[in-house]
PDB file of N, CA and C in Angstrom:
ATOM      1  N   MET A   1     102.927 118.406 123.796  1.00  0.00           N
ATOM      2  CA  MET A   1     101.721 117.292 123.620  1.00  0.00           C
ATOM      3  C   MET A   1     101.590 117.183 125.310  1.00  0.00           C
ATOM      4  N   ASN A   2      99.876 116.455 125.450  1.00  0.00           N
ATOM      5  CA  ASN A   2      99.677 116.290 126.494  1.00  0.00           C
ATOM      6  C   ASN A   2     100.114 114.866 127.192  1.00  0.00           C
ATOM      7  N   VAL A   3     100.317 114.607 128.061  1.00  0.00           N
ATOM      8  CA  VAL A   3     100.524 112.951 128.449  1.00  0.00           C
ATOM      9  C   VAL A   3     100.301 113.150 130.045  1.00  0.00           C
ATOM     10  N   PHE A   4     100.204 111.919 130.430  1.00  0.00           N
ATOM     11  CA  PHE A   4      99.978 112.024 132.110  1.00  0.00           C
ATOM     12  C   PHE A   4     101.420 111.235 132.676  1.00  0.00           C
ATOM     13  N   ILE A   5     102.250 111.822 133.645  1.00  0.00           N
ATOM     14  CA  ILE A   5     102.178 111.212 134.225  1.00  0.00           C
ATOM     15  C   ILE A   5     102.423 111.232 135.705  1.00  0.00           C
ATOM     16  N   ASN A   6     102.120 109.883 136.089  1.00  0.00           N
ATOM     17  CA  ASN A   6     102.155 109.253 137.901  1.00  0.00           C
ATOM     18  C   ASN A   6     100.141 109.636 137.713  1.00  0.00           C
ATOM     19  N   GLN A   7      99.721 109.796 136.907  1.00  0.00           N
ATOM     20  CA  GLN A   7      97.865 110.124 136.687  1.00  0.00           C
ATOM     21  C   GLN A   7      97.739 111.955 137.011  1.00  0.00           C
ATOM     22  N   ASN A   8      99.202 112.905 136.604  1.00  0.00           N
ATOM     23  CA  ASN A   8      99.029 113.784 137.108  1.00  0.00           C
ATOM     24  C   ASN A   8      99.661 114.694 135.241  1.00  0.00           C
ATOM     25  N   ALA A   9      98.612 115.231 134.620  1.00  0.00           N
ATOM     26  CA  ALA A   9      98.736 115.973 133.350  1.00  0.00           C
ATOM     27  C   ALA A   9      99.993 116.453 133.132  1.00  0.00           C
ATOM     28  N   VAL A  10     100.990 116.788 132.208  1.00  0.00           N
ATOM     29  CA  VAL A  10     102.272 117.101 131.956  1.00  0.00           C
ATOM     30  C   VAL A  10     101.798 117.377 130.810  1.00  0.00           C
ATOM     31  N   GLN A  11     102.483 118.461 130.088  1.00  0.00           N
ATOM     32  CA  GLN A  11     102.852 119.188 128.644  1.00  0.00           C
ATOM     33  C   GLN A  11     104.636 118.561 128.169  1.00  0.00           C
ATOM     34  N   LEU A  12     104.194 117.599 127.679  1.00  0.00           N
ATOM     35  CA  LEU A  12     106.128 117.925 127.348  1.00  0.00           C
ATOM     36  C   LEU A  12     106.034 118.281 125.681  1.00  0.00           C
ATOM     37  N   PRO A  13     107.184 118.397 125.107  1.00  0.00           N
ATOM     38  CA  PRO A  13     107.261 118.791 123.560  1.00  0.00           C
ATOM     39  C   PRO A  13     107.299 117.734 122.678  1.00  0.00           C
ATOM     40  N   ASP A  14     106.501 117.844 121.530  1.00  0.00           N
ATOM     41  CA  ASP A  14     106.599 116.853 120.405  1.00  0.00           C
ATOM     42  C   ASP A  14     107.460 116.179 120.324  1.00  0.00           C
ATOM     43  N   GLY A  15     107.446 115.034 119.844  1.00  0.00           N
ATOM     44  CA  GLY A  15     109.075 114.220 119.877  1.00  0.00           C
ATOM     45  C   GLY A  15     109.553 113.798 120.702  1.00  0.00           C
ATOM     46  N   ALA A  16     108.874 113.797 122.296  1.00  0.00           N
ATOM     47  CA  ALA A  16     109.537 113.393 123.473  1.00  0.00           C
ATOM     48  C   ALA A  16     109.577 112.093 123.582  1.00  0.00           C
ATOM     49  N   THR A  17     110.874 111.584 124.312  1.00  0.00           N
ATOM     50  CA  THR A  17     110.468 110.080 125.126  1.00  0.00           C
ATOM     51  C   THR A  17     110.203 110.100 126.012  1.00  0.00           C
ATOM     52  N   VAL A  18     110.348 108.500 126.902  1.00  0.00           N
ATOM     53  CA  VAL A  18     110.387 108.017 127.914  1.00  0.00           C
ATOM     54  C   VAL A  18     111.651 109.014 128.646  1.00  0.00           C
ATOM     55  N   ALA A  19     112.257 108.746 128.176  1.00  0.00           N
ATOM     56  CA  ALA A  19     113.741 109.685 128.797  1.00  0.00           C
ATOM     57  C   ALA A  19     113.334 111.089 128.911  1.00  0.00           C
ATOM     58  N   ASP A  20     112.566 111.934 128.480  1.00  0.00           N
ATOM     59  CA  ASP A  20     111.956 113.237 128.588  1.00  0.00           C
ATOM     60  C   ASP A  20     111.492 113.395 129.811  1.00  0.00           C
ATOM     61  N   ALA A  21     110.385 112.394 129.981  1.00  0.00           N
ATOM     62  CA  ALA A  21     109.545 112.002 130.948  1.00  0.00           C
ATOM     63  C   ALA A  21     110.047 112.123 132.397  1.00  0.00           C
ATOM     64  N   VAL A  22     111.126 110.707 132.047  1.00  0.00           N
ATOM     65  CA  VAL A  22     111.928 110.497 133.433  1.00  0.00           C
ATOM     66  C   VAL A  22     112.874 111.724 133.595  1.00  0.00           C
ATOM     67  N   ALA A  23     113.108 112.813 132.997  1.00  0.00           N
ATOM     68  CA  ALA A  23     113.656 114.012 133.503  1.00  0.00           C
ATOM     69  C   ALA A  23     112.671 115.146 133.717  1.00  0.00           C
ATOM     70  N   HIS A  24     111.643 114.948 133.181  1.00  0.00           N
ATOM     71  CA  HIS A  24     110.412 116.111 133.912  1.00  0.00           C
ATOM     72  C   HIS A  24     110.577 116.097 135.515  1.00  0.00           C
ATOM     73  N   LEU A  25     110.284 114.358 135.920  1.00  0.00           N
ATOM     74  CA  LEU A  25     110.012 114.215 137.259  1.00  0.00           C
ATOM     75  C   LEU A  25     110.907 113.665 138.389  1.00  0.00           C
ATOM     76  N   ALA A  26     112.340 113.942 137.447  1.00  0.00           N
ATOM     77  CA  ALA A  26     113.379 113.238 138.298  1.00  0.00           C
ATOM     78  C   ALA A  26     113.605 112.633 139.865  1.00  0.00           C
ATOM     79  N   PRO A  27     112.877 111.431 139.694  1.00  0.00           N
ATOM     80  CA  PRO A  27     113.078 110.590 140.387  1.00  0.00           C
ATOM     81  C   PRO A  27     114.383 109.873 140.964  1.00  0.00           C
ATOM     82  N   GLN A  28     113.915 109.733 142.185  1.00  0.00           N
ATOM     83  CA  GLN A  28     115.219 108.828 142.743  1.00  0.00           C
ATOM     84  C   GLN A  28     115.378 107.300 142.912  1.00  0.00           C
ATOM     85  N   PRO A  29     116.489 107.045 142.312  1.00  0.00           N
ATOM     86  CA  PRO A  29     117.023 105.668 141.837  1.00  0.00           C
ATOM     87  C   PRO A  29     116.390 104.959 143.020  1.00  0.00           C
ATOM     88  N   PRO A  30     116.259 103.521 143.043  1.00  0.00           N
ATOM     89  CA  PRO A  30     115.898 103.074 141.797  1.00  0.00           C
ATOM     90  C   PRO A  30     114.624 102.981 141.539  1.00  0.00           C
ATOM     91  N   PHE A  31     113.948 102.514 140.125  1.00  0.00           N
ATOM     92  CA  PHE A  31     112.772 103.083 139.707  1.00  0.00           C
ATOM     93  C   PHE A  31     112.393 102.641 138.560  1.00  0.00           C
ATOM     94  N   ALA A  32     111.266 102.196 137.939  1.00  0.00           N
ATOM     95  CA  ALA A  32     110.595 101.124 137.016  1.00  0.00           C
ATOM     96  C   ALA A  32     109.405 102.517 136.017  1.00  0.00           C
ATOM     97  N   VAL A  33     109.577 102.072 134.942  1.00  0.00           N
ATOM     98  CA  VAL A  33     108.839 103.127 134.134  1.00  0.00           C
ATOM     99  C   VAL A  33     107.934 102.097 133.151  1.00  0.00           C
ATOM    100  N   ALA A  34     106.535 102.756 132.838  1.00  0.00           N
ATOM    101  CA  ALA A  34     105.810 101.882 132.464  1.00  0.00           C
ATOM    102  C   ALA A  34     104.768 103.027 131.367  1.00  0.00           C
ATOM    103  N   VAL A  35     104.602 102.691 129.893  1.00  0.00           N
ATOM    104  CA  VAL A  35     104.501 103.481 129.455  1.00  0.00           C
ATOM    105  C   VAL A  35     102.716 102.458 129.116  1.00  0.00           C
ATOM    106  N   ASN A  36     101.835 102.732 129.310  1.00  0.00           N
ATOM    107  CA  ASN A  36     100.168 102.607 128.827  1.00  0.00           C
ATOM    108  C   ASN A  36     100.390 101.037 129.527  1.00  0.00           C
ATOM    109  N   LEU A  37     100.579 100.912 130.937  1.00  0.00           N
ATOM    110  CA  LEU A  37     100.966  99.595 131.385  1.00  0.00           C
ATOM    111  C   LEU A  37     101.621  98.431 131.145  1.00  0.00           C
ATOM    112  N   GLN A  38     102.684  98.986 129.990  1.00  0.00           N
ATOM    113  CA  GLN A  38     104.054  98.461 129.199  1.00  0.00           C
ATOM    114  C   GLN A  38     104.423  98.895 130.238  1.00  0.00           C
ATOM    115  N   PHE A  39     105.751  97.647 130.470  1.00  0.00           N
ATOM    116  CA  PHE A  39     107.355  98.134 131.072  1.00  0.00           C
ATOM    117  C   PHE A  39     108.219  98.287 130.220  1.00  0.00           C
ATOM    118  N   VAL A  40     108.972  99.630 130.143  1.00  0.00           N
ATOM    119  CA  VAL A  40     109.928 100.040 129.672  1.00  0.00           C
ATOM    120  C   VAL A  40     111.569  99.627 130.164  1.00  0.00           C
ATOM    121  N   PRO A  41     112.351  99.189 129.164  1.00  0.00           N
ATOM    122  CA  PRO A  41     113.392  99.104 129.991  1.00  0.00           C
ATOM    123  C   PRO A  41     114.507 100.194 129.936  1.00  0.00           C
ATOM    124  N   SER A  42     115.104 100.687 131.113  1.00  0.00           N
ATOM    125  CA  SER A  42     115.933 101.824 131.025  1.00  0.00           C
ATOM    126  C   SER A  42     116.990 102.099 129.459  1.00  0.00           C
ATOM    127  N   ALA A  43     117.461 100.473 129.337  1.00  0.00           N
ATOM    128  CA  ALA A  43     117.695 101.016 127.763  1.00  0.00           C
ATOM    129  C   ALA A  43     117.277 101.499 127.466  1.00  0.00           C
ATOM    130  N   ARG A  44     115.934 101.408 126.671  1.00  0.00           N
ATOM    131  CA  ARG A  44     115.044 101.991 125.922  1.00  0.00           C
ATOM    132  C   ARG A  44     114.387 103.420 126.209  1.00  0.00           C
ATOM    133  N   TYR A  45     114.923 104.244 127.639  1.00  0.00           N
ATOM    134  CA  TYR A  45     113.805 105.639 127.438  1.00  0.00           C
ATOM    135  C   TYR A  45     114.075 106.653 126.051  1.00  0.00           C
ATOM    136  N   ALA A  46     115.590 106.459 125.889  1.00  0.00           N
ATOM    137  CA  ALA A  46     116.051 107.123 125.182  1.00  0.00           C
ATOM    138  C   ALA A  46     115.173 107.198 123.544  1.00  0.00           C
ATOM    139  N   ALA A  47     115.055 105.845 123.092  1.00  0.00           N
ATOM    140  CA  ALA A  47     114.536 105.876 122.309  1.00  0.00           C
ATOM    141  C   ALA A  47     112.771 105.165 122.067  1.00  0.00           C
ATOM    142  N   HIS A  48     111.974 105.084 122.909  1.00  0.00           N
ATOM    143  CA  HIS A  48     110.722 104.814 123.356  1.00  0.00           C
ATOM    144  C   HIS A  48     109.977 106.478 123.432  1.00  0.00           C
ATOM    145  N   ALA A  49     109.297 106.689 121.995  1.00  0.00           N
ATOM    146  CA  ALA A  49     108.883 107.941 121.357  1.00  0.00           C
ATOM    147  C   ALA A  49     107.514 107.851 121.714  1.00  0.00           C
ATOM    148  N   LEU A  50     106.660 108.684 122.938  1.00  0.00           N
ATOM    149  CA  LEU A  50     105.581 109.311 123.406  1.00  0.00           C
ATOM    150  C   LEU A  50     104.585 109.708 122.623  1.00  0.00           C
ATOM    151  N   GLN A  51     103.598 109.437 122.367  1.00  0.00           N
ATOM    152  CA  GLN A  51     102.472 109.754 121.642  1.00  0.00           C
ATOM    153  C   GLN A  51     101.437 110.263 122.879  1.00  0.00           C
ATOM    154  N   SER A  52     100.594 111.696 122.392  1.00  0.00           N
ATOM    155  CA  SER A  52      99.772 112.307 123.379  1.00  0.00           C
ATOM    156  C   SER A  52      98.606 111.477 123.461  1.00  0.00           C
ATOM    157  N   GLY A  53      98.672 111.821 125.273  1.00  0.00           N
ATOM    158  CA  GLY A  53      97.795 110.818 125.949  1.00  0.00           C
ATOM    159  C   GLY A  53      97.820 109.548 126.088  1.00  0.00           C
ATOM    160  N   ASP A  54      99.049 109.559 126.331  1.00  0.00           N
ATOM    161  CA  ASP A  54     100.041 107.997 126.996  1.00  0.00           C
ATOM    162  C   ASP A  54      99.843 108.332 128.252  1.00  0.00           C
ATOM    163  N   GLN A  55      99.982 107.178 129.035  1.00  0.00           N
ATOM    164  CA  GLN A  55     100.020 107.016 130.556  1.00  0.00           C
ATOM    165  C   GLN A  55     101.016 106.597 131.032  1.00  0.00           C
ATOM    166  N   ILE A  56     101.987 107.278 131.525  1.00  0.00           N
ATOM    167  CA  ILE A  56     103.160 106.911 132.228  1.00  0.00           C
ATOM    168  C   ILE A  56     103.268 106.817 133.811  1.00  0.00           C
ATOM    169  N   GLU A  57     104.042 105.403 133.722  1.00  0.00           N
ATOM    170  CA  GLU A  57     104.191 105.748 135.180  1.00  0.00           C
ATOM    171  C   GLU A  57     105.638 105.252 136.138  1.00  0.00           C
ATOM    172  N   ILE A  58     105.810 106.155 136.703  1.00  0.00           N
ATOM    173  CA  ILE A  58     107.188 105.947 137.181  1.00  0.00           C
ATOM    174  C   ILE A  58     106.998 105.846 138.286  1.00  0.00           C
ATOM    175  N   ILE A  59     107.164 104.421 138.731  1.00  0.00           N
ATOM    176  CA  ILE A  59     107.414 104.145 140.490  1.00  0.00           C
ATOM    177  C   ILE A  59     108.789 102.900 140.941  1.00  0.00           C
ATOM    178  N   ALA A  60     108.724 103.453 141.958  1.00  0.00           N
ATOM    179  CA  ALA A  60     110.018 102.959 143.033  1.00  0.00           C
ATOM    180  C   ALA A  60     109.565 101.682 143.509  1.00  0.00           C
ATOM    181  N   PRO A  61     110.351 100.929 144.026  1.00  0.00           N
ATOM    182  CA  PRO A  61     110.058  99.836 144.568  1.00  0.00           C
ATOM    183  C   PRO A  61     109.868  99.595 146.106  1.00  0.00           C
ATOM    184  N   VAL A  62     108.807  98.956 146.361  1.00  0.00           N
ATOM    185  CA  VAL A  62     108.491  99.144 148.163  1.00  0.00           C
ATOM    186  C   VAL A  62     109.151  97.902 149.084  1.00  0.00           C
ATOM    187  N   THR A  63     109.893  98.145 149.587  1.00  0.00           N
ATOM    188  CA  THR A  63     110.023  96.826 150.819  1.00  0.00           C
ATOM    189  C   THR A  63     109.505  96.648 151.767  1.00  0.00           C
ATOM    190  N   GLY A  64     109.463  95.864 152.177  1.00  0.00           N
ATOM    191  CA  GLY A  64     109.310  95.695 153.635  1.00  0.00           C
ATOM    192  C   GLY A  64     108.526  94.199 153.749  1.00  0.00           C
ATOM    193  N   GLY A  65     107.808  94.058 155.505  1.00  0.00           N
ATOM    194  CA  GLY A  65     106.750  92.847 155.012  1.00  0.00           C
ATOM    195  C   GLY A  65     105.739  92.919 155.626  1.00  0.00           C
TER     196      GLY A  65
END
């Protein structure tokens, strides 16, 4: 299936979950994930199934002032 991770087109296998998307990008913690602008808690990564065309954002917090 085709999804977008941080606005880049990515091919993931059918039945992929948020955990698969995170594994594909392999971000350094800490980070947060949203699918179609909806926050997904880390405890739900493996259970949250993705659909073709989903927009996944994996973002790191920014510190400073």
